[in-house]
């Protein structure tokens, strides 16, 4: 998985990079089963300037909603991970203390 992430980091094409990291994207970050990065990329890469102001505004609102949700999900995943790490550390310390008694 780390090799895939490193390869994606060096990739110059966004869609190719996303394909390389697809297995590494936590399910908790998916929105209704969709990778928010690919949703945002397709919305932003279709030439917004060719659309009407009203269509661009609707798309911008949708992009804001998806970005906000992605940020919230990312924060929750990181928080859960940190809490789990702390809990595991406390349990391992407790177990070590008990085995020394």
PDB file of N, CA and C in Angstrom:
ATOM      1  N   UNK A   1       0.819  -1.181   0.000  1.00  0.00           N
ATOM      2  CA  UNK A   1       0.000   0.000   0.000  1.00  0.00           C
ATOM      3  C   UNK A   1       0.871   1.256   0.000  1.00  0.00           C
ATOM      4  N   UNK A   2       1.958   1.215   0.763  1.00  0.00           N
ATOM      5  CA  UNK A   2       2.850   2.375   0.802  1.00  0.00           C
ATOM      6  C   UNK A   2       3.456   2.652  -0.571  1.00  0.00           C
ATOM      7  N   UNK A   3       3.781   1.573  -1.305  1.00  0.00           N
ATOM      8  CA  UNK A   3       4.326   1.746  -2.645  1.00  0.00           C
ATOM      9  C   UNK A   3       3.314   2.445  -3.549  1.00  0.00           C
ATOM     10  N   UNK A   4       2.045   2.061  -3.415  1.00  0.00           N
ATOM     11  CA  UNK A   4       0.991   2.687  -4.219  1.00  0.00           C
ATOM     12  C   UNK A   4       0.867   4.169  -3.893  1.00  0.00           C
ATOM     13  N   UNK A   5       0.946   4.496  -2.610  1.00  0.00           N
ATOM     14  CA  UNK A   5       0.853   5.900  -2.199  1.00  0.00           C
ATOM     15  C   UNK A   5       2.041   6.711  -2.714  1.00  0.00           C
ATOM     16  N   UNK A   6       3.225   6.136  -2.650  1.00  0.00           N
ATOM     17  CA  UNK A   6       4.417   6.825  -3.159  1.00  0.00           C
ATOM     18  C   UNK A   6       4.329   7.016  -4.668  1.00  0.00           C
ATOM     19  N   UNK A   7       3.868   5.981  -5.373  1.00  0.00           N
ATOM     20  CA  UNK A   7       3.723   6.080  -6.828  1.00  0.00           C
ATOM     21  C   UNK A   7       2.703   7.149  -7.186  1.00  0.00           C
ATOM     22  N   UNK A   8       1.622   7.223  -6.440  1.00  0.00           N
ATOM     23  CA  UNK A   8       0.589   8.221  -6.693  1.00  0.00           C
ATOM     24  C   UNK A   8       1.129   9.625  -6.452  1.00  0.00           C
ATOM     25  N   UNK A   9       1.981   9.766  -5.449  1.00  0.00           N
ATOM     26  CA  UNK A   9       2.547  11.073  -5.129  1.00  0.00           C
ATOM     27  C   UNK A   9       3.415  11.599  -6.279  1.00  0.00           C
ATOM     28  N   UNK A  10       4.047  10.690  -6.999  1.00  0.00           N
ATOM     29  CA  UNK A  10       4.920  11.079  -8.106  1.00  0.00           C
ATOM     30  C   UNK A  10       4.157  11.253  -9.427  1.00  0.00           C
ATOM     31  N   UNK A  11       2.929  10.806  -9.451  1.00  0.00           N
ATOM     32  CA  UNK A  11       2.117  10.844 -10.671  1.00  0.00           C
ATOM     33  C   UNK A  11       1.719  12.271 -11.027  1.00  0.00           C
ATOM     34  N   UNK A  12       1.736  12.590 -12.312  1.00  0.00           N
ATOM     35  CA  UNK A  12       1.357  13.932 -12.745  1.00  0.00           C
ATOM     36  C   UNK A  12      -0.106  14.007 -13.185  1.00  0.00           C
ATOM     37  N   UNK A  13      -0.722  12.883 -13.504  1.00  0.00           N
ATOM     38  CA  UNK A  13      -2.130  12.871 -13.872  1.00  0.00           C
ATOM     39  C   UNK A  13      -2.969  12.524 -12.649  1.00  0.00           C
ATOM     40  N   UNK A  14      -3.887  13.405 -12.325  1.00  0.00           N
ATOM     41  CA  UNK A  14      -4.702  13.237 -11.122  1.00  0.00           C
ATOM     42  C   UNK A  14      -5.493  11.940 -11.137  1.00  0.00           C
ATOM     43  N   UNK A  15      -6.159  11.634 -12.241  1.00  0.00           N
ATOM     44  CA  UNK A  15      -7.004  10.434 -12.289  1.00  0.00           C
ATOM     45  C   UNK A  15      -6.178   9.166 -12.145  1.00  0.00           C
ATOM     46  N   UNK A  16      -4.978   9.152 -12.715  1.00  0.00           N
ATOM     47  CA  UNK A  16      -4.098   7.994 -12.573  1.00  0.00           C
ATOM     48  C   UNK A  16      -3.649   7.850 -11.124  1.00  0.00           C
ATOM     49  N   UNK A  17      -3.333   8.971 -10.487  1.00  0.00           N
ATOM     50  CA  UNK A  17      -2.922   8.946  -9.079  1.00  0.00           C
ATOM     51  C   UNK A  17      -4.054   8.428  -8.197  1.00  0.00           C
ATOM     52  N   UNK A  18      -5.272   8.875  -8.450  1.00  0.00           N
ATOM     53  CA  UNK A  18      -6.423   8.434  -7.663  1.00  0.00           C
ATOM     54  C   UNK A  18      -6.658   6.940  -7.855  1.00  0.00           C
ATOM     55  N   UNK A  19      -6.499   6.457  -9.084  1.00  0.00           N
ATOM     56  CA  UNK A  19      -6.651   5.016  -9.337  1.00  0.00           C
ATOM     57  C   UNK A  19      -5.625   4.210  -8.548  1.00  0.00           C
ATOM     58  N   UNK A  20      -4.417   4.749  -8.414  1.00  0.00           N
ATOM     59  CA  UNK A  20      -3.356   4.036  -7.697  1.00  0.00           C
ATOM     60  C   UNK A  20      -3.629   3.949  -6.194  1.00  0.00           C
ATOM     61  N   UNK A  21      -4.285   4.971  -5.648  1.00  0.00           N
ATOM     62  CA  UNK A  21      -4.520   4.968  -4.199  1.00  0.00           C
ATOM     63  C   UNK A  21      -5.918   4.496  -3.818  1.00  0.00           C
ATOM     64  N   UNK A  22      -6.726   4.140  -4.806  1.00  0.00           N
ATOM     65  CA  UNK A  22      -8.116   3.748  -4.540  1.00  0.00           C
ATOM     66  C   UNK A  22      -8.223   2.729  -3.391  1.00  0.00           C
ATOM     67  N   UNK A  23      -7.388   1.684  -3.355  1.00  0.00           N
ATOM     68  CA  UNK A  23      -7.512   0.718  -2.246  1.00  0.00           C
ATOM     69  C   UNK A  23      -7.129   1.295  -0.878  1.00  0.00           C
ATOM     70  N   UNK A  24      -6.387   2.398  -0.876  1.00  0.00           N
ATOM     71  CA  UNK A  24      -5.922   2.971   0.390  1.00  0.00           C
ATOM     72  C   UNK A  24      -6.889   4.004   0.969  1.00  0.00           C
ATOM     73  N   UNK A  25      -7.895   4.392   0.206  1.00  0.00           N
ATOM     74  CA  UNK A  25      -8.849   5.392   0.698  1.00  0.00           C
ATOM     75  C   UNK A  25      -9.773   4.713   1.708  1.00  0.00           C
ATOM     76  N   UNK A  26      -9.751   5.174   2.956  1.00  0.00           N
ATOM     77  CA  UNK A  26     -10.608   4.546   3.971  1.00  0.00           C
ATOM     78  C   UNK A  26     -12.085   4.656   3.601  1.00  0.00           C
ATOM     79  N   UNK A  27     -12.820   3.608   3.873  1.00  0.00           N
ATOM     80  CA  UNK A  27     -14.246   3.594   3.564  1.00  0.00           C
ATOM     81  C   UNK A  27     -14.980   4.732   4.265  1.00  0.00           C
ATOM     82  N   UNK A  28     -14.486   5.126   5.414  1.00  0.00           N
ATOM     83  CA  UNK A  28     -15.130   6.203   6.169  1.00  0.00           C
ATOM     84  C   UNK A  28     -15.094   7.536   5.424  1.00  0.00           C
ATOM     85  N   UNK A  29     -14.169   7.682   4.464  1.00  0.00           N
ATOM     86  CA  UNK A  29     -14.082   8.925   3.709  1.00  0.00           C
ATOM     87  C   UNK A  29     -14.985   8.933   2.484  1.00  0.00           C
ATOM     88  N   UNK A  30     -15.483   7.770   2.104  1.00  0.00           N
ATOM     89  CA  UNK A  30     -16.371   7.707   0.950  1.00  0.00           C
ATOM     90  C   UNK A  30     -17.709   8.348   1.287  1.00  0.00           C
ATOM     91  N   UNK A  31     -18.303   8.978   0.314  1.00  0.00           N
ATOM     92  CA  UNK A  31     -19.603   9.622   0.486  1.00  0.00           C
ATOM     93  C   UNK A  31     -20.591   8.859  -0.381  1.00  0.00           C
ATOM     94  N   UNK A  32     -21.503   8.162   0.254  1.00  0.00           N
ATOM     95  CA  UNK A  32     -22.451   7.298  -0.460  1.00  0.00           C
ATOM     96  C   UNK A  32     -21.719   6.351  -1.403  1.00  0.00           C
ATOM     97  N   UNK A  33     -20.604   5.828  -0.919  1.00  0.00           N
ATOM     98  CA  UNK A  33     -19.820   4.872  -1.692  1.00  0.00           C
ATOM     99  C   UNK A  33     -18.946   5.486  -2.769  1.00  0.00           C
ATOM    100  N   UNK A  34     -18.966   6.801  -2.891  1.00  0.00           N
ATOM    101  CA  UNK A  34     -18.201   7.498  -3.930  1.00  0.00           C
ATOM    102  C   UNK A  34     -16.957   8.148  -3.330  1.00  0.00           C
ATOM    103  N   UNK A  35     -15.859   8.081  -4.084  1.00  0.00           N
ATOM    104  CA  UNK A  35     -14.638   8.757  -3.670  1.00  0.00           C
ATOM    105  C   UNK A  35     -14.827  10.253  -3.921  1.00  0.00           C
ATOM    106  N   UNK A  36     -14.818  11.073  -2.869  1.00  0.00           N
ATOM    107  CA  UNK A  36     -15.057  12.511  -3.055  1.00  0.00           C
ATOM    108  C   UNK A  36     -13.996  13.182  -3.916  1.00  0.00           C
ATOM    109  N   UNK A  37     -12.800  12.641  -3.938  1.00  0.00           N
ATOM    110  CA  UNK A  37     -11.749  13.243  -4.763  1.00  0.00           C
ATOM    111  C   UNK A  37     -12.076  13.136  -6.247  1.00  0.00           C
ATOM    112  N   UNK A  38     -12.593  11.988  -6.666  1.00  0.00           N
ATOM    113  CA  UNK A  38     -12.948  11.843  -8.081  1.00  0.00           C
ATOM    114  C   UNK A  38     -14.181  12.674  -8.427  1.00  0.00           C
ATOM    115  N   UNK A  39     -15.116  12.774  -7.487  1.00  0.00           N
ATOM    116  CA  UNK A  39     -16.291  13.616  -7.730  1.00  0.00           C
ATOM    117  C   UNK A  39     -15.884  15.072  -7.918  1.00  0.00           C
ATOM    118  N   UNK A  40     -15.018  15.553  -7.058  1.00  0.00           N
ATOM    119  CA  UNK A  40     -14.570  16.942  -7.142  1.00  0.00           C
ATOM    120  C   UNK A  40     -13.750  17.178  -8.404  1.00  0.00           C
ATOM    121  N   UNK A  41     -12.892  16.221  -8.732  1.00  0.00           N
ATOM    122  CA  UNK A  41     -12.053  16.376  -9.918  1.00  0.00           C
ATOM    123  C   UNK A  41     -12.907  16.487 -11.172  1.00  0.00           C
ATOM    124  N   UNK A  42     -13.907  15.625 -11.304  1.00  0.00           N
ATOM    125  CA  UNK A  42     -14.722  15.689 -12.513  1.00  0.00           C
ATOM    126  C   UNK A  42     -15.518  16.997 -12.572  1.00  0.00           C
ATOM    127  N   UNK A  43     -15.946  17.490 -11.432  1.00  0.00           N
ATOM    128  CA  UNK A  43     -16.684  18.757 -11.418  1.00  0.00           C
ATOM    129  C   UNK A  43     -15.786  19.921 -11.803  1.00  0.00           C
ATOM    130  N   UNK A  44     -14.533  19.873 -11.370  1.00  0.00           N
ATOM    131  CA  UNK A  44     -13.621  20.995 -11.611  1.00  0.00           C
ATOM    132  C   UNK A  44     -12.905  20.918 -12.951  1.00  0.00           C
ATOM    133  N   UNK A  45     -12.875  19.753 -13.568  1.00  0.00           N
ATOM    134  CA  UNK A  45     -12.098  19.610 -14.801  1.00  0.00           C
ATOM    135  C   UNK A  45     -12.944  19.702 -16.061  1.00  0.00           C
ATOM    136  N   UNK A  46     -14.202  20.009 -15.934  1.00  0.00           N
ATOM    137  CA  UNK A  46     -15.065  20.055 -17.109  1.00  0.00           C
ATOM    138  C   UNK A  46     -15.225  21.455 -17.682  1.00  0.00           C
ATOM    139  N   UNK A  47     -14.314  22.334 -17.425  1.00  0.00           N
ATOM    140  CA  UNK A  47     -14.358  23.659 -18.018  1.00  0.00           C
ATOM    141  C   UNK A  47     -15.512  24.501 -17.514  1.00  0.00           C
ATOM    142  N   UNK A  48     -15.423  24.909 -16.278  1.00  0.00           N
ATOM    143  CA  UNK A  48     -16.494  25.695 -15.676  1.00  0.00           C
ATOM    144  C   UNK A  48     -16.814  26.966 -16.458  1.00  0.00           C
ATOM    145  N   UNK A  49     -15.841  27.513 -17.157  1.00  0.00           N
ATOM    146  CA  UNK A  49     -16.071  28.773 -17.856  1.00  0.00           C
ATOM    147  C   UNK A  49     -17.029  28.618 -19.032  1.00  0.00           C
ATOM    148  N   UNK A  50     -17.269  27.395 -19.465  1.00  0.00           N
ATOM    149  CA  UNK A  50     -18.194  27.163 -20.575  1.00  0.00           C
ATOM    150  C   UNK A  50     -19.642  27.118 -20.099  1.00  0.00           C
ATOM    151  N   UNK A  51     -19.856  27.104 -18.812  1.00  0.00           N
ATOM    152  CA  UNK A  51     -21.198  27.013 -18.251  1.00  0.00           C
ATOM    153  C   UNK A  51     -21.748  28.403 -17.946  1.00  0.00           C
ATOM    154  N   UNK A  52     -23.058  28.472 -17.734  1.00  0.00           N
ATOM    155  CA  UNK A  52     -23.677  29.747 -17.351  1.00  0.00           C
ATOM    156  C   UNK A  52     -23.305  30.073 -15.911  1.00  0.00           C
ATOM    157  N   UNK A  53     -23.490  31.307 -15.520  1.00  0.00           N
ATOM    158  CA  UNK A  53     -23.208  31.713 -14.139  1.00  0.00           C
ATOM    159  C   UNK A  53     -24.052  30.904 -13.158  1.00  0.00           C
ATOM    160  N   UNK A  54     -25.312  30.672 -13.513  1.00  0.00           N
ATOM    161  CA  UNK A  54     -26.205  29.921 -12.632  1.00  0.00           C
ATOM    162  C   UNK A  54     -25.717  28.480 -12.460  1.00  0.00           C
ATOM    163  N   UNK A  55     -25.279  27.852 -13.557  1.00  0.00           N
ATOM    164  CA  UNK A  55     -24.770  26.476 -13.473  1.00  0.00           C
ATOM    165  C   UNK A  55     -23.474  26.422 -12.667  1.00  0.00           C
ATOM    166  N   UNK A  56     -22.614  27.405 -12.867  1.00  0.00           N
ATOM    167  CA  UNK A  56     -21.358  27.460 -12.109  1.00  0.00           C
ATOM    168  C   UNK A  56     -21.629  27.636 -10.618  1.00  0.00           C
ATOM    169  N   UNK A  57     -22.599  28.459 -10.267  1.00  0.00           N
ATOM    170  CA  UNK A  57     -22.945  28.682  -8.868  1.00  0.00           C
ATOM    171  C   UNK A  57     -23.486  27.397  -8.245  1.00  0.00           C
ATOM    172  N   UNK A  58     -24.357  26.695  -8.955  1.00  0.00           N
ATOM    173  CA  UNK A  58     -24.885  25.422  -8.446  1.00  0.00           C
ATOM    174  C   UNK A  58     -23.759  24.426  -8.232  1.00  0.00           C
ATOM    175  N   UNK A  59     -22.845  24.356  -9.199  1.00  0.00           N
ATOM    176  CA  UNK A  59     -21.717  23.430  -9.081  1.00  0.00           C
ATOM    177  C   UNK A  59     -20.809  23.836  -7.922  1.00  0.00           C
ATOM    178  N   UNK A  60     -20.573  25.142  -7.767  1.00  0.00           N
ATOM    179  CA  UNK A  60     -19.723  25.627  -6.671  1.00  0.00           C
ATOM    180  C   UNK A  60     -20.324  25.269  -5.317  1.00  0.00           C
ATOM    181  N   UNK A  61     -21.635  25.374  -5.194  1.00  0.00           N
ATOM    182  CA  UNK A  61     -22.298  25.013  -3.935  1.00  0.00           C
ATOM    183  C   UNK A  61     -22.121  23.528  -3.666  1.00  0.00           C
ATOM    184  N   UNK A  62     -22.291  22.704  -4.694  1.00  0.00           N
ATOM    185  CA  UNK A  62     -22.111  21.255  -4.525  1.00  0.00           C
ATOM    186  C   UNK A  62     -20.671  20.926  -4.146  1.00  0.00           C
ATOM    187  N   UNK A  63     -19.721  21.608  -4.767  1.00  0.00           N
ATOM    188  CA  UNK A  63     -18.303  21.386  -4.449  1.00  0.00           C
ATOM    189  C   UNK A  63     -18.037  21.757  -2.992  1.00  0.00           C
ATOM    190  N   UNK A  64     -18.596  22.887  -2.542  1.00  0.00           N
ATOM    191  CA  UNK A  64     -18.415  23.304  -1.138  1.00  0.00           C
ATOM    192  C   UNK A  64     -18.977  22.264  -0.184  1.00  0.00           C
ATOM    193  N   UNK A  65     -20.153  21.731  -0.490  1.00  0.00           N
ATOM    194  CA  UNK A  65     -20.783  20.732   0.379  1.00  0.00           C
ATOM    195  C   UNK A  65     -19.919  19.473   0.450  1.00  0.00           C
ATOM    196  N   UNK A  66     -19.418  19.015  -0.697  1.00  0.00           N
ATOM    197  CA  UNK A  66     -18.589  17.799  -0.714  1.00  0.00           C
ATOM    198  C   UNK A  66     -17.268  18.046   0.013  1.00  0.00           C
ATOM    199  N   UNK A  67     -16.633  19.192  -0.221  1.00  0.00           N
ATOM    200  CA  UNK A  67     -15.377  19.499   0.478  1.00  0.00           C
ATOM    201  C   UNK A  67     -15.580  19.582   1.991  1.00  0.00           C
ATOM    202  N   UNK A  68     -16.671  20.195   2.405  1.00  0.00           N
ATOM    203  CA  UNK A  68     -16.966  20.306   3.836  1.00  0.00           C
ATOM    204  C   UNK A  68     -17.160  18.926   4.444  1.00  0.00           C
ATOM    205  N   UNK A  69     -17.912  18.082   3.765  1.00  0.00           N
ATOM    206  CA  UNK A  69     -18.139  16.732   4.285  1.00  0.00           C
ATOM    207  C   UNK A  69     -16.847  15.937   4.333  1.00  0.00           C
ATOM    208  N   UNK A  70     -16.025  16.052   3.276  1.00  0.00           N
ATOM    209  CA  UNK A  70     -14.738  15.347   3.248  1.00  0.00           C
ATOM    210  C   UNK A  70     -13.855  15.809   4.406  1.00  0.00           C
ATOM    211  N   UNK A  71     -13.816  17.105   4.668  1.00  0.00           N
ATOM    212  CA  UNK A  71     -13.015  17.627   5.777  1.00  0.00           C
ATOM    213  C   UNK A  71     -13.526  17.091   7.112  1.00  0.00           C
ATOM    214  N   UNK A  72     -14.848  17.064   7.277  1.00  0.00           N
ATOM    215  CA  UNK A  72     -15.420  16.550   8.525  1.00  0.00           C
ATOM    216  C   UNK A  72     -15.124  15.068   8.703  1.00  0.00           C
ATOM    217  N   UNK A  73     -15.251  14.297   7.623  1.00  0.00           N
ATOM    218  CA  UNK A  73     -14.964  12.860   7.702  1.00  0.00           C
ATOM    219  C   UNK A  73     -13.492  12.617   8.009  1.00  0.00           C
ATOM    220  N   UNK A  74     -12.620  13.389   7.369  1.00  0.00           N
ATOM    221  CA  UNK A  74     -11.178  13.243   7.612  1.00  0.00           C
ATOM    222  C   UNK A  74     -10.847  13.538   9.070  1.00  0.00           C
ATOM    223  N   UNK A  75     -11.435  14.592   9.597  1.00  0.00           N
ATOM    224  CA  UNK A  75     -11.218  14.944  11.000  1.00  0.00           C
ATOM    225  C   UNK A  75     -11.692  13.821  11.916  1.00  0.00           C
ATOM    226  N   UNK A  76     -12.863  13.263  11.614  1.00  0.00           N
ATOM    227  CA  UNK A  76     -13.409  12.186  12.449  1.00  0.00           C
ATOM    228  C   UNK A  76     -12.531  10.946  12.397  1.00  0.00           C
ATOM    229  N   UNK A  77     -12.050  10.604  11.201  1.00  0.00           N
ATOM    230  CA  UNK A  77     -11.194   9.420  11.066  1.00  0.00           C
ATOM    231  C   UNK A  77      -9.899   9.613  11.843  1.00  0.00           C
ATOM    232  N   UNK A  78      -9.302  10.792  11.709  1.00  0.00           N
ATOM    233  CA  UNK A  78      -8.055  11.056  12.430  1.00  0.00           C
ATOM    234  C   UNK A  78      -8.277  11.076  13.937  1.00  0.00           C
ATOM    235  N   UNK A  79      -9.399  11.659  14.369  1.00  0.00           N
ATOM    236  CA  UNK A  79      -9.711  11.712  15.796  1.00  0.00           C
ATOM    237  C   UNK A  79      -9.920  10.300  16.337  1.00  0.00           C
ATOM    238  N   UNK A  80     -10.695   9.497  15.606  1.00  0.00           N
ATOM    239  CA  UNK A  80     -10.936   8.119  16.030  1.00  0.00           C
ATOM    240  C   UNK A  80      -9.631   7.348  16.132  1.00  0.00           C
ATOM    241  N   UNK A  81      -8.748   7.564  15.171  1.00  0.00           N
ATOM    242  CA  UNK A  81      -7.465   6.872  15.169  1.00  0.00           C
ATOM    243  C   UNK A  81      -6.629   7.280  16.378  1.00  0.00           C
ATOM    244  N   UNK A  82      -6.600   8.572  16.677  1.00  0.00           N
ATOM    245  CA  UNK A  82      -5.828   9.058  17.826  1.00  0.00           C
ATOM    246  C   UNK A  82      -6.409   8.516  19.129  1.00  0.00           C
ATOM    247  N   UNK A  83      -7.741   8.521  19.246  1.00  0.00           N
ATOM    248  CA  UNK A  83      -8.382   7.997  20.454  1.00  0.00           C
ATOM    249  C   UNK A  83      -8.086   6.510  20.613  1.00  0.00           C
ATOM    250  N   UNK A  84      -8.127   5.767  19.510  1.00  0.00           N
ATOM    251  CA  UNK A  84      -7.847   4.337  19.557  1.00  0.00           C
ATOM    252  C   UNK A  84      -6.408   4.089  19.970  1.00  0.00           C
ATOM    253  N   UNK A  85      -5.476   4.872  19.412  1.00  0.00           N
ATOM    254  CA  UNK A  85      -4.068   4.726  19.790  1.00  0.00           C
ATOM    255  C   UNK A  85      -3.874   4.965  21.283  1.00  0.00           C
ATOM    256  N   UNK A  86      -4.527   5.992  21.817  1.00  0.00           N
ATOM    257  CA  UNK A  86      -4.419   6.286  23.248  1.00  0.00           C
ATOM    258  C   UNK A  86      -5.012   5.153  24.080  1.00  0.00           C
ATOM    259  N   UNK A  87      -6.162   4.645  23.665  1.00  0.00           N
ATOM    260  CA  UNK A  87      -6.814   3.563  24.403  1.00  0.00           C
ATOM    261  C   UNK A  87      -5.937   2.315  24.399  1.00  0.00           C
ATOM    262  N   UNK A  88      -5.376   1.979  23.256  1.00  0.00           N
ATOM    263  CA  UNK A  88      -4.495   0.808  23.175  1.00  0.00           C
ATOM    264  C   UNK A  88      -3.271   0.982  24.057  1.00  0.00           C
ATOM    265  N   UNK A  89      -2.710   2.174  24.052  1.00  0.00           N
ATOM    266  CA  UNK A  89      -1.540   2.448  24.877  1.00  0.00           C
ATOM    267  C   UNK A  89      -1.865   2.269  26.358  1.00  0.00           C
ATOM    268  N   UNK A  90      -3.008   2.815  26.797  1.00  0.00           N
ATOM    269  CA  UNK A  90      -3.394   2.669  28.204  1.00  0.00           C
ATOM    270  C   UNK A  90      -3.613   1.211  28.569  1.00  0.00           C
ATOM    271  N   UNK A  91      -4.268   0.460  27.686  1.00  0.00           N
ATOM    272  CA  UNK A  91      -4.519  -0.960  27.969  1.00  0.00           C
ATOM    273  C   UNK A  91      -3.227  -1.764  28.016  1.00  0.00           C
ATOM    274  N   UNK A  92      -2.300  -1.443  27.133  1.00  0.00           N
ATOM    275  CA  UNK A  92      -1.022  -2.164  27.131  1.00  0.00           C
ATOM    276  C   UNK A  92      -0.216  -1.835  28.385  1.00  0.00           C
ATOM    277  N   UNK A  93      -0.274  -0.563  28.816  1.00  0.00           N
ATOM    278  CA  UNK A  93       0.411  -0.188  30.053  1.00  0.00           C
ATOM    279  C   UNK A  93      -0.220  -0.899  31.244  1.00  0.00           C
ATOM    280  N   UNK A  94      -1.533  -0.958  31.276  1.00  0.00           N
ATOM    281  CA  UNK A  94      -2.242  -1.638  32.358  1.00  0.00           C
ATOM    282  C   UNK A  94      -1.880  -3.123  32.377  1.00  0.00           C
ATOM    283  N   UNK A  95      -1.862  -3.742  31.213  1.00  0.00           N
ATOM    284  CA  UNK A  95      -1.529  -5.169  31.110  1.00  0.00           C
ATOM    285  C   UNK A  95      -0.083  -5.398  31.581  1.00  0.00           C
ATOM    286  N   UNK A  96       0.824  -4.524  31.189  1.00  0.00           N
ATOM    287  CA  UNK A  96       2.230  -4.656  31.584  1.00  0.00           C
ATOM    288  C   UNK A  96       2.370  -4.507  33.095  1.00  0.00           C
ATOM    289  N   UNK A  97       1.648  -3.540  33.667  1.00  0.00           N
ATOM    290  CA  UNK A  97       1.698  -3.304  35.101  1.00  0.00           C
ATOM    291  C   UNK A  97       1.181  -4.538  35.849  1.00  0.00           C
ATOM    292  N   UNK A  98       0.088  -5.126  35.369  1.00  0.00           N
ATOM    293  CA  UNK A  98      -0.510  -6.286  36.027  1.00  0.00           C
ATOM    294  C   UNK A  98       0.400  -7.506  35.935  1.00  0.00           C
ATOM    295  N   UNK A  99       1.095  -7.658  34.813  1.00  0.00           N
ATOM    296  CA  UNK A  99       1.962  -8.827  34.681  1.00  0.00           C
ATOM    297  C   UNK A  99       3.210  -8.702  35.545  1.00  0.00           C
ATOM    298  N   UNK A 100       3.581  -7.493  35.950  1.00  0.00           N
ATOM    299  CA  UNK A 100       4.739  -7.284  36.809  1.00  0.00           C
ATOM    300  C   UNK A 100       4.408  -7.495  38.276  1.00  0.00           C
ATOM    301  N   UNK A 101       3.112  -7.508  38.604  1.00  0.00           N
ATOM    302  CA  UNK A 101       2.727  -7.641  40.014  1.00  0.00           C
ATOM    303  C   UNK A 101       2.763  -9.061  40.467  1.00  0.00           C
TER     304      UNK A 101
END
